């Protein structure tokens, strides 16, 4: 029978000479979590996600797609209410953060989170079986997210509960998703994928400041007009439902370059780089 491995400690205090156990605890309580500890926390979440039932993933992903519609609703309301262009440019993006607050704090499945969380188990195990599980998770989450965004986008396009100026704001926000070239949209999506994955990397160390981290990072996404495949899908689906864009524009001008950019930004700039900085420490701890 294999002997259970000893718990691994990534604490810097535990490596100090001449420090008592009580002093070690006090130092640890005041210290920031190490990069290795953050990595292992996120990897543990990723392992759990890969074990979830497919129907639970679909329901959670659908809920996330619907909830992210709040980003368009609140940002559109702010956009319509603020007449000064400079003030609108600065404050309207705050509305974009609302959908992400609901999704992340509510533990709903969002595709761009999964460019980091399940990738860490894949980098750790490096097996075909884990790769298949990651691709299955991506497919389920993406499909359910997009279904939710189309449901909320279509619903917003065919409801009369918003004032005309708010609806016009929705249209203006939606047009931004299809205006750029393929390469420009891809690059904007790389930044969005990078920022959202960075947000997920920061959350384990945030403790009581999780909401602040979410607001700051997603505000930057909106302020920079970076392309997010799920939040942007609500805007673009609204545009299509109102007859202001075609399905071809949704697919080629928005969805494909944004999806690819988000994956590159999340997996390459965050998952791989952050794994690289702790890989040696993790390998040493397993010896």
Protein backbone atom coordinates (compact mmCIF):
# COMPACT_ATOMS: atom_id res chain seq x y z
CA UNK A 1 0.00 0.00 0.00
CA UNK A 2 1.36 3.41 -0.98
CA UNK A 3 2.22 5.64 1.92
CA UNK A 4 0.26 8.91 1.95
CA UNK A 5 2.42 11.87 1.09
CA UNK A 6 3.15 14.47 3.72
CA UNK A 7 1.30 17.78 3.43
CA UNK A 8 3.21 20.23 1.34
CA UNK A 9 3.91 23.66 2.82
CA UNK A 10 4.59 26.62 0.57
CA UNK A 11 5.04 29.00 3.51
CA UNK A 12 8.20 31.09 3.55
CA UNK A 13 7.98 31.31 7.35
CA UNK A 14 8.25 27.54 7.70
CA UNK A 15 11.70 27.72 6.09
CA UNK A 16 13.16 30.24 8.55
CA UNK A 17 15.71 29.04 11.08
CA UNK A 18 15.22 29.77 14.77
CA UNK A 19 11.50 30.54 14.48
CA UNK A 20 9.10 28.92 16.92
CA UNK A 21 5.84 27.28 15.76
CA UNK A 22 3.85 30.12 17.33
CA UNK A 23 5.95 32.74 15.56
CA UNK A 24 5.55 30.82 12.31
CA UNK A 25 1.76 30.96 12.65
CA UNK A 26 1.87 34.70 13.36
CA UNK A 27 4.10 35.36 10.35
CA UNK A 28 1.86 33.26 8.10
CA UNK A 29 -1.24 35.15 9.28
CA UNK A 30 0.38 38.43 8.16
CA UNK A 31 1.93 37.15 4.93
CA UNK A 32 0.51 37.12 1.43
CA UNK A 33 -0.17 33.67 -0.04
CA UNK A 34 2.73 32.46 -2.14
CA UNK A 35 2.36 32.01 -5.90
CA UNK A 36 2.62 28.24 -5.39
CA UNK A 37 -0.21 28.26 -2.84
CA UNK A 38 -2.42 30.30 -5.18
CA UNK A 39 -1.60 27.89 -7.99
CA UNK A 40 -2.54 24.87 -5.88
CA UNK A 41 -5.78 26.53 -4.71
CA UNK A 42 -6.86 27.17 -8.29
CA UNK A 43 -5.71 23.72 -9.41
CA UNK A 44 -7.86 22.13 -6.68
CA UNK A 45 -10.86 24.08 -8.02
CA UNK A 46 -9.99 22.90 -11.51
CA UNK A 47 -9.87 19.27 -10.40
CA UNK A 48 -13.35 19.64 -8.90
CA UNK A 49 -14.73 21.27 -12.06
CA UNK A 50 -13.43 18.40 -14.21
CA UNK A 51 -15.36 15.93 -12.02
CA UNK A 52 -18.74 17.71 -12.17
CA UNK A 53 -21.70 16.09 -13.93
CA UNK A 54 -22.38 17.37 -17.43
CA UNK A 55 -25.92 18.47 -16.61
CA UNK A 56 -24.71 20.54 -13.64
CA UNK A 57 -22.18 22.25 -15.91
CA UNK A 58 -24.84 23.00 -18.53
CA UNK A 59 -27.25 24.49 -15.99
CA UNK A 60 -24.52 26.59 -14.38
CA UNK A 61 -23.27 27.74 -17.80
CA UNK A 62 -26.77 28.69 -18.91
CA UNK A 63 -27.26 30.69 -15.71
CA UNK A 64 -23.98 32.50 -16.37
CA UNK A 65 -25.01 33.35 -19.92
CA UNK A 66 -28.26 34.84 -18.66
CA UNK A 67 -26.64 36.66 -15.73
CA UNK A 68 -23.95 38.27 -17.87
CA UNK A 69 -26.78 40.04 -19.68
CA UNK A 70 -26.88 42.39 -16.68
CA UNK A 71 -23.62 43.86 -17.95
CA UNK A 72 -25.38 45.11 -21.09
CA UNK A 73 -28.49 46.24 -19.20
CA UNK A 74 -26.71 48.31 -16.54
CA UNK A 75 -24.02 49.66 -18.85
CA UNK A 76 -26.74 50.64 -21.32
CA UNK A 77 -28.70 52.44 -18.60
CA UNK A 78 -25.58 54.36 -17.54
CA UNK A 79 -24.74 55.08 -21.17
CA UNK A 80 -28.20 56.55 -21.76
CA UNK A 81 -28.31 58.52 -18.51
CA UNK A 82 -24.95 60.30 -18.87
CA UNK A 83 -25.04 63.00 -21.53
CA UNK A 84 -21.46 64.26 -21.25
CA UNK A 85 -19.27 62.16 -23.53
CA UNK A 86 -16.17 62.26 -21.30
CA UNK A 87 -18.13 61.32 -18.18
CA UNK A 88 -19.95 58.57 -20.06
CA UNK A 89 -16.67 57.13 -21.30
CA UNK A 90 -15.39 57.02 -17.74
CA UNK A 91 -18.43 55.93 -15.70
CA UNK A 92 -20.64 53.84 -18.02
CA UNK A 93 -18.16 50.88 -17.95
CA UNK A 94 -18.96 50.47 -14.25
CA UNK A 95 -22.26 48.96 -15.36
CA UNK A 96 -20.35 46.26 -17.25
CA UNK A 97 -19.01 44.91 -13.97
CA UNK A 98 -22.45 43.95 -12.58
CA UNK A 99 -22.91 40.80 -14.67
CA UNK A 100 -19.45 39.54 -13.73
CA UNK A 101 -20.10 40.17 -10.04
CA UNK A 102 -23.21 38.00 -10.20
CA UNK A 103 -21.53 35.26 -12.22
CA UNK A 104 -18.26 35.00 -10.29
CA UNK A 105 -19.59 35.49 -6.76
CA UNK A 106 -22.51 33.21 -7.60
CA UNK A 107 -20.06 30.48 -8.72
CA UNK A 108 -21.67 30.17 -12.15
CA UNK A 109 -19.65 28.65 -14.99
CA UNK A 110 -18.13 31.27 -17.29
CA UNK A 111 -16.06 30.16 -20.28
CA UNK A 112 -13.21 32.62 -19.80
CA UNK A 113 -12.71 31.42 -16.22
CA UNK A 114 -12.08 27.99 -17.68
CA UNK A 115 -9.13 29.22 -19.75
CA UNK A 116 -7.29 29.14 -16.41
CA UNK A 117 -8.92 26.89 -13.79
CA UNK A 118 -8.95 23.48 -15.56
CA UNK A 119 -5.75 24.24 -17.48
CA UNK A 120 -3.68 24.00 -14.29
CA UNK A 121 -4.65 20.34 -13.69
CA UNK A 122 -3.82 19.67 -17.36
CA UNK A 123 -0.37 21.26 -16.98
CA UNK A 124 0.16 19.27 -13.79
CA UNK A 125 -0.87 15.82 -15.07
CA UNK A 126 -0.14 16.25 -18.82
CA UNK A 127 -2.26 13.28 -19.87
CA UNK A 128 -4.57 12.73 -22.82
CA UNK A 129 -7.42 11.82 -20.45
CA UNK A 130 -7.23 15.21 -18.71
CA UNK A 131 -7.02 17.00 -22.07
CA UNK A 132 -10.22 15.27 -23.19
CA UNK A 133 -11.94 16.30 -19.95
CA UNK A 134 -10.81 19.91 -20.40
CA UNK A 135 -12.09 20.02 -23.99
CA UNK A 136 -15.41 18.48 -22.90
CA UNK A 137 -15.74 21.07 -20.11
CA UNK A 138 -14.93 23.89 -22.54
CA UNK A 139 -17.51 22.64 -25.02
CA UNK A 140 -20.28 22.32 -22.43
CA UNK A 141 -19.59 25.66 -20.80
CA UNK A 142 -19.22 27.55 -24.08
CA UNK A 143 -22.39 26.06 -25.58
CA UNK A 144 -24.49 26.76 -22.48
CA UNK A 145 -23.04 30.26 -22.07
CA UNK A 146 -23.83 31.17 -25.66
CA UNK A 147 -27.35 29.72 -25.36
CA UNK A 148 -27.91 31.93 -22.33
CA UNK A 149 -26.56 35.03 -24.08
CA UNK A 150 -28.82 34.49 -27.08
CA UNK A 151 -31.83 33.99 -24.82
CA UNK A 152 -31.22 37.22 -22.92
CA UNK A 153 -30.15 39.13 -26.05
CA UNK A 154 -33.27 38.06 -27.96
CA UNK A 155 -35.44 38.84 -24.96
CA UNK A 156 -34.00 42.34 -24.58
CA UNK A 157 -34.48 42.98 -28.30
CA UNK A 158 -38.18 42.12 -28.16
CA UNK A 159 -39.23 43.77 -24.94
CA UNK A 160 -40.71 47.21 -24.44
CA UNK A 161 -39.63 47.76 -20.82
CA UNK A 162 -36.70 50.04 -21.71
CA UNK A 163 -36.88 53.62 -22.92
CA UNK A 164 -35.90 54.22 -26.56
CA UNK A 165 -32.68 55.98 -25.53
CA UNK A 166 -31.66 52.91 -23.51
CA UNK A 167 -32.41 50.63 -26.45
CA UNK A 168 -30.33 52.93 -28.65
CA UNK A 169 -27.49 52.57 -26.13
CA UNK A 170 -27.78 48.77 -26.40
CA UNK A 171 -27.48 49.08 -30.18
CA UNK A 172 -24.45 51.35 -29.95
CA UNK A 173 -22.71 48.95 -27.58
CA UNK A 174 -23.62 46.05 -29.84
CA UNK A 175 -22.19 47.69 -32.96
CA UNK A 176 -18.76 47.82 -31.33
CA UNK A 177 -18.62 44.00 -31.37
CA UNK A 178 -18.68 43.81 -35.19
CA UNK A 179 -16.99 47.04 -36.25
CA UNK A 180 -13.35 45.98 -36.03
CA UNK A 181 -11.33 43.82 -38.38
CA UNK A 182 -10.68 40.16 -37.56
CA UNK A 183 -7.14 40.90 -36.33
CA UNK A 184 -8.18 43.94 -34.27
CA UNK A 185 -10.98 42.00 -32.57
CA UNK A 186 -8.60 39.12 -31.91
CA UNK A 187 -6.05 41.41 -30.23
CA UNK A 188 -8.73 43.09 -28.12
CA UNK A 189 -9.91 39.62 -27.12
CA UNK A 190 -6.39 38.61 -26.05
CA UNK A 191 -6.39 41.51 -23.59
CA UNK A 192 -9.84 40.54 -22.28
CA UNK A 193 -8.87 36.90 -21.84
CA UNK A 194 -5.68 37.95 -20.07
CA UNK A 195 -7.51 40.29 -17.68
CA UNK A 196 -10.27 37.83 -16.78
CA UNK A 197 -7.81 34.99 -16.18
CA UNK A 198 -5.67 37.37 -14.08
CA UNK A 199 -8.78 38.18 -12.09
CA UNK A 200 -9.28 34.49 -11.35
CA UNK A 201 -5.62 34.21 -10.34
CA UNK A 202 -5.99 37.12 -7.90
CA UNK A 203 -9.23 35.99 -6.24
CA UNK A 204 -7.78 33.26 -3.95
CA UNK A 205 -5.57 35.87 -2.27
CA UNK A 206 -8.25 38.56 -2.13
CA UNK A 207 -10.03 37.28 1.01
CA UNK A 208 -12.63 39.98 1.80
CA UNK A 209 -11.86 42.02 -1.32
CA UNK A 210 -13.14 39.63 -3.98
CA UNK A 211 -15.84 42.04 -5.18
CA UNK A 212 -13.30 44.84 -5.52
CA UNK A 213 -11.01 42.67 -7.64
CA UNK A 214 -13.90 41.69 -9.93
CA UNK A 215 -15.04 45.30 -10.34
CA UNK A 216 -11.56 46.65 -11.06
CA UNK A 217 -10.55 43.99 -13.59
CA UNK A 218 -13.84 43.92 -15.52
CA UNK A 219 -14.02 47.72 -15.46
CA UNK A 220 -10.67 47.76 -17.27
CA UNK A 221 -12.07 45.30 -19.84
CA UNK A 222 -15.01 47.61 -20.53
CA UNK A 223 -12.98 50.82 -20.42
CA UNK A 224 -10.52 49.45 -22.97
CA UNK A 225 -13.40 48.11 -25.10
CA UNK A 226 -11.72 44.72 -25.07
CA UNK A 227 -13.67 41.81 -26.57
CA UNK A 228 -15.16 39.22 -24.22
CA UNK A 229 -16.80 36.27 -25.95
CA UNK A 230 -19.68 35.85 -23.47
CA UNK A 231 -20.48 39.43 -22.46
CA UNK A 232 -20.00 40.52 -26.07
CA UNK A 233 -22.29 37.73 -27.27
CA UNK A 234 -25.21 39.35 -25.46
CA UNK A 235 -24.51 42.64 -27.22
CA UNK A 236 -24.02 41.05 -30.63
CA UNK A 237 -27.05 38.75 -30.26
CA UNK A 238 -29.14 41.82 -29.42
CA UNK A 239 -27.83 43.46 -32.59
CA UNK A 240 -28.73 40.42 -34.71
CA UNK A 241 -32.19 40.12 -33.11
CA UNK A 242 -32.88 43.77 -33.98
CA UNK A 243 -31.84 43.20 -37.59
CA UNK A 244 -28.75 45.42 -37.32
CA UNK A 245 -26.26 42.61 -37.99
CA UNK A 246 -26.28 39.21 -39.72
CA UNK A 247 -25.47 35.78 -38.32
CA UNK A 248 -22.39 35.82 -40.54
CA UNK A 249 -21.18 38.99 -38.86
CA UNK A 250 -21.86 37.44 -35.46
CA UNK A 251 -19.82 34.38 -36.39
CA UNK A 252 -16.90 35.80 -38.35
CA UNK A 253 -16.59 39.41 -37.20
CA UNK A 254 -17.24 38.74 -33.52
CA UNK A 255 -17.41 35.14 -32.28
CA UNK A 256 -14.43 33.40 -33.93
CA UNK A 257 -11.75 36.10 -33.37
CA UNK A 258 -13.04 36.83 -29.85
CA UNK A 259 -13.10 33.16 -28.84
CA UNK A 260 -9.58 32.57 -30.16
CA UNK A 261 -8.24 35.73 -28.53
CA UNK A 262 -9.79 34.95 -25.14
CA UNK A 263 -8.30 31.45 -25.20
CA UNK A 264 -4.84 32.76 -26.12
CA UNK A 265 -4.99 35.50 -23.50
CA UNK A 266 -6.19 33.22 -20.73
CA UNK A 267 -4.15 30.08 -21.36
CA UNK A 268 -0.89 31.56 -22.65
CA UNK A 269 -0.50 34.84 -20.78
CA UNK A 270 -1.84 33.62 -17.44
CA UNK A 271 -2.03 29.84 -17.09
CA UNK A 272 1.28 28.98 -18.76
CA UNK A 273 3.26 31.92 -17.41
CA UNK A 274 2.01 31.59 -13.85
CA UNK A 275 2.52 27.85 -13.96
CA UNK A 276 6.05 28.44 -15.20
CA UNK A 277 6.97 30.59 -12.22
CA UNK A 278 6.00 27.87 -9.70
CA UNK A 279 6.71 24.68 -11.66
CA UNK A 280 10.16 24.13 -10.15
CA UNK A 281 8.85 24.67 -6.61
CA UNK A 282 5.96 22.28 -7.16
CA UNK A 283 8.22 19.60 -8.64
CA UNK A 284 10.62 19.95 -5.70
CA UNK A 285 7.76 19.63 -3.19
CA UNK A 286 6.65 16.34 -4.81
CA UNK A 287 10.10 14.74 -4.61
